[in-house]
Amino acid sequence: MKNTELIEKIKHKFSLQTDSDLAAVLGEKPHIVSGWKTNRRPIPLPIKLRILEHIEFSTEIRRLAAVLVDDEEQRVQITQDLDRLEEVKRRQAGLPVNFAEQKWIERVKTLQTTQGLNEMQAAKYLEMSSAELAEVKAGERELTLGQKTLLLGLLAVKAAVNKETLKRKLNERVEKS
């Protein structure tokens, strides 16, 4: 599939009108997407795999991505793409835009609520200081990619493990650090 075709398919899938909107969703600059579209520059493999997964190109894409790129990082990047897509849609509708970071703040709060964690415990689990967590929750600081990966992992684990087991494991991890 040619780059132009791939770009048009994802724009159609997400109902995006412009390459600039697609660039915003993928976390890239518009001139980068323009370079991909005109074949002046290749689409980096991790981004190409994300695009293919978004457009549900085939079931083999997920398997291929798992071999070629870090699965956790890919999952975080796809989540971020979808959060940024929501931001683009909100901007187009004239609504407040800071949706993506708000979603990460909500995910931190969900972790705290579901696990009964105070600020200090949540900060340790996310490998940051309490002051840094307060800045994140105030919208003054973003979580790093590693912290986002860790947060998604903790939220996924909580669904598979009972609350007490997870809390015990997380406390053991904090005590070791």
C-alpha atoms as a PDB file:
ATOM      1  CA  MET A   1       0.000   0.000   0.000  1.00  0.00           C
ATOM      2  CA  LYS A   2       1.395   3.397  -0.980  1.00  0.00           C
ATOM      3  CA  ASN A   3       1.880   6.131   1.594  1.00  0.00           C
ATOM      4  CA  THR A   4      -0.752   8.363  -0.015  1.00  0.00           C
ATOM      5  CA  GLU A   5      -3.302   5.560   0.083  1.00  0.00           C
ATOM      6  CA  LEU A   6      -2.445   4.741   3.698  1.00  0.00           C
ATOM      7  CA  ILE A   7      -2.766   8.382   4.755  1.00  0.00           C
ATOM      8  CA  GLU A   8      -6.099   8.765   2.985  1.00  0.00           C
ATOM      9  CA  LYS A   9      -7.443   5.564   4.586  1.00  0.00           C
ATOM     10  CA  ILE A  10      -6.631   6.679   8.123  1.00  0.00           C
ATOM     11  CA  LYS A  11      -8.010  10.162   7.459  1.00  0.00           C
ATOM     12  CA  HIS A  12     -11.223   8.534   6.224  1.00  0.00           C
ATOM     13  CA  LYS A  13     -11.368   6.122   9.173  1.00  0.00           C
ATOM     14  CA  PHE A  14     -11.002   8.993  11.667  1.00  0.00           C
ATOM     15  CA  SER A  15     -13.124  11.429   9.592  1.00  0.00           C
ATOM     16  CA  LEU A  16     -10.246  13.895   9.336  1.00  0.00           C
ATOM     17  CA  GLN A  17     -10.344  16.577   6.664  1.00  0.00           C
ATOM     18  CA  THR A  18      -6.707  17.678   6.543  1.00  0.00           C
ATOM     19  CA  ASP A  19      -3.194  16.284   6.721  1.00  0.00           C
ATOM     20  CA  SER A  20      -2.602  18.762   9.576  1.00  0.00           C
ATOM     21  CA  ASP A  21      -5.336  17.080  11.603  1.00  0.00           C
ATOM     22  CA  LEU A  22      -3.740  13.687  10.929  1.00  0.00           C
ATOM     23  CA  ALA A  23      -0.351  15.071  11.965  1.00  0.00           C
ATOM     24  CA  ALA A  24      -1.906  16.249  15.248  1.00  0.00           C
ATOM     25  CA  VAL A  25      -3.407  12.792  15.864  1.00  0.00           C
ATOM     26  CA  LEU A  26      -0.083  11.049  15.210  1.00  0.00           C
ATOM     27  CA  GLY A  27       1.887  13.592  17.231  1.00  0.00           C
ATOM     28  CA  GLU A  28       3.855  14.758  14.193  1.00  0.00           C
ATOM     29  CA  LYS A  29       4.359  18.086  12.435  1.00  0.00           C
ATOM     30  CA  PRO A  30       2.250  18.735   9.300  1.00  0.00           C
ATOM     31  CA  HIS A  31       5.315  19.005   7.021  1.00  0.00           C
ATOM     32  CA  ILE A  32       6.366  15.499   8.117  1.00  0.00           C
ATOM     33  CA  VAL A  33       3.012  14.021   7.033  1.00  0.00           C
ATOM     34  CA  SER A  34       3.265  16.006   3.799  1.00  0.00           C
ATOM     35  CA  GLY A  35       6.688  14.426   3.184  1.00  0.00           C
ATOM     36  CA  TRP A  36       5.212  10.972   3.723  1.00  0.00           C
ATOM     37  CA  LYS A  37       2.342  11.698   1.356  1.00  0.00           C
ATOM     38  CA  THR A  38       4.635  12.896  -1.439  1.00  0.00           C
ATOM     39  CA  ASN A  39       7.128  10.066  -0.783  1.00  0.00           C
ATOM     40  CA  ARG A  40       9.908  12.555   0.023  1.00  0.00           C
ATOM     41  CA  ARG A  41      10.420  10.710   3.303  1.00  0.00           C
ATOM     42  CA  PRO A  42       9.425   7.225   4.463  1.00  0.00           C
ATOM     43  CA  ILE A  43       6.870   6.676   7.187  1.00  0.00           C
ATOM     44  CA  PRO A  44       8.822   5.306  10.166  1.00  0.00           C
ATOM     45  CA  LEU A  45       7.963   1.646  10.753  1.00  0.00           C
ATOM     46  CA  PRO A  46       6.444   2.083  14.251  1.00  0.00           C
ATOM     47  CA  ILE A  47       4.131   4.816  12.926  1.00  0.00           C
ATOM     48  CA  LYS A  48       3.247   2.800   9.839  1.00  0.00           C
ATOM     49  CA  LEU A  49       2.340  -0.173  12.049  1.00  0.00           C
ATOM     50  CA  ARG A  50       0.179   2.082  14.248  1.00  0.00           C
ATOM     51  CA  ILE A  51      -1.626   3.443  11.192  1.00  0.00           C
ATOM     52  CA  LEU A  52      -2.196  -0.072   9.863  1.00  0.00           C
ATOM     53  CA  GLU A  53      -3.559  -1.168  13.226  1.00  0.00           C
ATOM     54  CA  HIS A  54      -5.855   1.874  13.402  1.00  0.00           C
ATOM     55  CA  ILE A  55      -7.331   1.086   9.993  1.00  0.00           C
ATOM     56  CA  GLU A  56      -7.546  -2.606  10.920  1.00  0.00           C
ATOM     57  CA  PHE A  57      -5.586  -3.608   7.858  1.00  0.00           C
ATOM     58  CA  SER A  58      -5.231  -7.248   8.894  1.00  0.00           C
ATOM     59  CA  THR A  59      -4.949  -9.449  11.958  1.00  0.00           C
ATOM     60  CA  GLU A  60      -1.311 -10.153  11.106  1.00  0.00           C
ATOM     61  CA  ILE A  61      -0.386  -6.496  11.707  1.00  0.00           C
ATOM     62  CA  ARG A  62      -0.648  -6.907  15.476  1.00  0.00           C
ATOM     63  CA  ARG A  63       1.615  -9.967  15.345  1.00  0.00           C
ATOM     64  CA  LEU A  64       4.105  -8.187  13.099  1.00  0.00           C
ATOM     65  CA  ALA A  65       4.108  -5.116  15.355  1.00  0.00           C
ATOM     66  CA  ALA A  66       4.768  -7.308  18.391  1.00  0.00           C
ATOM     67  CA  VAL A  67       7.896  -8.653  16.713  1.00  0.00           C
ATOM     68  CA  LEU A  68       9.230  -5.354  15.369  1.00  0.00           C
ATOM     69  CA  VAL A  69       8.350  -2.804  18.074  1.00  0.00           C
ATOM     70  CA  ASP A  70       7.918  -2.837  21.844  1.00  0.00           C
ATOM     71  CA  ASP A  71       4.339  -4.005  22.480  1.00  0.00           C
ATOM     72  CA  GLU A  72       3.806  -1.849  25.581  1.00  0.00           C
ATOM     73  CA  GLU A  73       5.144   1.262  23.879  1.00  0.00           C
ATOM     74  CA  GLN A  74       2.989   0.554  20.822  1.00  0.00           C
ATOM     75  CA  ARG A  75      -0.101   0.257  23.038  1.00  0.00           C
ATOM     76  CA  VAL A  76       0.707   3.575  24.727  1.00  0.00           C
ATOM     77  CA  GLN A  77       1.277   5.261  21.360  1.00  0.00           C
ATOM     78  CA  ILE A  78      -2.050   3.958  20.008  1.00  0.00           C
ATOM     79  CA  THR A  79      -3.809   5.183  23.158  1.00  0.00           C
ATOM     80  CA  GLN A  80      -2.157   8.579  22.721  1.00  0.00           C
ATOM     81  CA  ASP A  81      -3.234   8.680  19.060  1.00  0.00           C
ATOM     82  CA  LEU A  82      -6.841   8.078  20.108  1.00  0.00           C
ATOM     83  CA  ASP A  83      -6.607  10.730  22.837  1.00  0.00           C
ATOM     84  CA  ARG A  84      -5.193  13.234  20.335  1.00  0.00           C
ATOM     85  CA  LEU A  85      -7.945  12.278  17.879  1.00  0.00           C
ATOM     86  CA  GLU A  86     -10.461  13.226  20.557  1.00  0.00           C
ATOM     87  CA  GLU A  87      -8.631  16.552  20.975  1.00  0.00           C
ATOM     88  CA  VAL A  88      -8.867  17.232  17.233  1.00  0.00           C
ATOM     89  CA  LYS A  89     -12.582  16.398  17.260  1.00  0.00           C
ATOM     90  CA  ARG A  90     -13.113  18.654  20.297  1.00  0.00           C
ATOM     91  CA  ARG A  91     -11.220  21.507  18.587  1.00  0.00           C
ATOM     92  CA  GLN A  92     -13.337  21.070  15.446  1.00  0.00           C
ATOM     93  CA  ALA A  93     -16.490  21.218  17.593  1.00  0.00           C
ATOM     94  CA  GLY A  94     -15.253  24.329  19.429  1.00  0.00           C
ATOM     95  CA  LEU A  95     -14.855  22.515  22.773  1.00  0.00           C
ATOM     96  CA  PRO A  96     -11.910  22.807  25.201  1.00  0.00           C
ATOM     97  CA  VAL A  97      -8.933  20.914  23.765  1.00  0.00           C
ATOM     98  CA  ASN A  98      -6.669  19.616  26.558  1.00  0.00           C
ATOM     99  CA  PHE A  99      -8.399  16.248  26.434  1.00  0.00           C
ATOM    100  CA  ALA A 100      -5.417  13.896  26.011  1.00  0.00           C
ATOM    101  CA  GLU A 101      -3.605  14.987  29.166  1.00  0.00           C
ATOM    102  CA  GLN A 102      -6.927  15.091  31.013  1.00  0.00           C
ATOM    103  CA  LYS A 103      -7.395  11.399  30.123  1.00  0.00           C
ATOM    104  CA  TRP A 104      -3.997  10.549  31.647  1.00  0.00           C
ATOM    105  CA  ILE A 105      -4.922  12.502  34.787  1.00  0.00           C
ATOM    106  CA  GLU A 106      -8.190  10.554  34.950  1.00  0.00           C
ATOM    107  CA  ARG A 107      -6.266   7.290  34.569  1.00  0.00           C
ATOM    108  CA  VAL A 108      -4.017   8.225  37.512  1.00  0.00           C
ATOM    109  CA  LYS A 109      -7.093   9.062  39.593  1.00  0.00           C
ATOM    110  CA  THR A 110      -8.715   5.774  38.559  1.00  0.00           C
ATOM    111  CA  LEU A 111      -5.633   3.884  39.725  1.00  0.00           C
ATOM    112  CA  GLN A 112      -5.709   5.718  43.047  1.00  0.00           C
ATOM    113  CA  THR A 113      -9.440   5.180  43.549  1.00  0.00           C
ATOM    114  CA  THR A 114      -9.562   1.523  42.552  1.00  0.00           C
ATOM    115  CA  GLN A 115      -6.490   0.639  44.596  1.00  0.00           C
ATOM    116  CA  GLY A 116      -7.091   3.002  47.521  1.00  0.00           C
ATOM    117  CA  LEU A 117      -3.724   4.698  47.029  1.00  0.00           C
ATOM    118  CA  ASN A 118      -2.687   8.003  48.562  1.00  0.00           C
ATOM    119  CA  GLU A 119      -0.582  10.535  46.627  1.00  0.00           C
ATOM    120  CA  MET A 120       2.747   9.205  47.905  1.00  0.00           C
ATOM    121  CA  GLN A 121       1.911   5.573  47.035  1.00  0.00           C
ATOM    122  CA  ALA A 122       0.627   6.469  43.573  1.00  0.00           C
ATOM    123  CA  ALA A 123       3.743   8.556  42.929  1.00  0.00           C
ATOM    124  CA  LYS A 124       6.042   5.687  43.931  1.00  0.00           C
ATOM    125  CA  TYR A 125       4.154   3.230  41.708  1.00  0.00           C
ATOM    126  CA  LEU A 126       4.585   5.656  38.804  1.00  0.00           C
ATOM    127  CA  GLU A 127       8.260   6.193  39.670  1.00  0.00           C
ATOM    128  CA  MET A 128       7.990   9.906  40.429  1.00  0.00           C
ATOM    129  CA  SER A 129       7.927  12.192  43.436  1.00  0.00           C
ATOM    130  CA  SER A 130       4.714  13.344  45.106  1.00  0.00           C
ATOM    131  CA  ALA A 131       5.456  16.883  43.912  1.00  0.00           C
ATOM    132  CA  GLU A 132       5.769  15.644  40.305  1.00  0.00           C
ATOM    133  CA  LEU A 133       2.475  13.753  40.623  1.00  0.00           C
ATOM    134  CA  ALA A 134       0.805  16.907  41.938  1.00  0.00           C
ATOM    135  CA  GLU A 135       2.133  18.790  38.880  1.00  0.00           C
ATOM    136  CA  VAL A 136       0.754  16.073  36.583  1.00  0.00           C
ATOM    137  CA  LYS A 137      -2.653  16.221  38.238  1.00  0.00           C
ATOM    138  CA  ALA A 138      -2.641  20.035  37.979  1.00  0.00           C
ATOM    139  CA  GLY A 139      -1.901  19.801  34.248  1.00  0.00           C
ATOM    140  CA  GLU A 140       1.504  21.470  34.661  1.00  0.00           C
ATOM    141  CA  ARG A 141       3.550  18.409  33.742  1.00  0.00           C
ATOM    142  CA  GLU A 142       3.091  15.415  31.450  1.00  0.00           C
ATOM    143  CA  LEU A 143       3.764  11.804  32.317  1.00  0.00           C
ATOM    144  CA  THR A 144       6.747  10.344  30.481  1.00  0.00           C
ATOM    145  CA  LEU A 145       6.214   7.547  27.981  1.00  0.00           C
ATOM    146  CA  GLY A 146       7.604   5.091  30.538  1.00  0.00           C
ATOM    147  CA  GLN A 147       5.205   6.342  33.214  1.00  0.00           C
ATOM    148  CA  LYS A 148       2.274   6.076  30.805  1.00  0.00           C
ATOM    149  CA  THR A 149       3.298   2.507  29.962  1.00  0.00           C
ATOM    150  CA  LEU A 150       3.542   1.681  33.649  1.00  0.00           C
ATOM    151  CA  LEU A 151       0.156   3.278  34.360  1.00  0.00           C
ATOM    152  CA  LEU A 152      -1.588   1.350  31.573  1.00  0.00           C
ATOM    153  CA  GLY A 153       0.049  -1.834  32.819  1.00  0.00           C
ATOM    154  CA  LEU A 154      -1.105  -1.203  36.384  1.00  0.00           C
ATOM    155  CA  LEU A 155      -4.642  -0.473  35.194  1.00  0.00           C
ATOM    156  CA  ALA A 156      -4.673  -3.632  33.036  1.00  0.00           C
ATOM    157  CA  VAL A 157      -3.295  -5.768  35.840  1.00  0.00           C
ATOM    158  CA  LYS A 158      -5.951  -4.589  38.259  1.00  0.00           C
ATOM    159  CA  ALA A 159      -8.633  -6.083  36.043  1.00  0.00           C
ATOM    160  CA  ALA A 160      -6.943  -9.495  36.090  1.00  0.00           C
ATOM    161  CA  VAL A 161      -5.776  -9.638  39.719  1.00  0.00           C
ATOM    162  CA  ASN A 162      -7.825  -9.097  42.825  1.00  0.00           C
ATOM    163  CA  LYS A 163      -7.315  -5.818  44.642  1.00  0.00           C
ATOM    164  CA  GLU A 164      -5.490  -7.213  47.682  1.00  0.00           C
ATOM    165  CA  THR A 165      -3.002  -9.223  45.607  1.00  0.00           C
ATOM    166  CA  LEU A 166      -2.190  -6.225  43.428  1.00  0.00           C
ATOM    167  CA  LYS A 167      -1.821  -3.926  46.424  1.00  0.00           C
ATOM    168  CA  ARG A 168       0.543  -6.408  48.113  1.00  0.00           C
ATOM    169  CA  LYS A 169       2.663  -6.758  44.950  1.00  0.00           C
ATOM    170  CA  LEU A 170       2.811  -2.996  44.422  1.00  0.00           C
ATOM    171  CA  ASN A 171       3.758  -2.426  48.072  1.00  0.00           C
ATOM    172  CA  GLU A 172       6.563  -4.997  47.731  1.00  0.00           C
ATOM    173  CA  ARG A 173       7.811  -3.121  44.671  1.00  0.00           C
ATOM    174  CA  VAL A 174       7.781   0.204  46.517  1.00  0.00           C
ATOM    175  CA  GLU A 175       9.585  -1.270  49.521  1.00  0.00           C
ATOM    176  CA  LYS A 176      12.375  -2.574  47.265  1.00  0.00           C
ATOM    177  CA  SER A 177      12.962   0.867  45.728  1.00  0.00           C
END
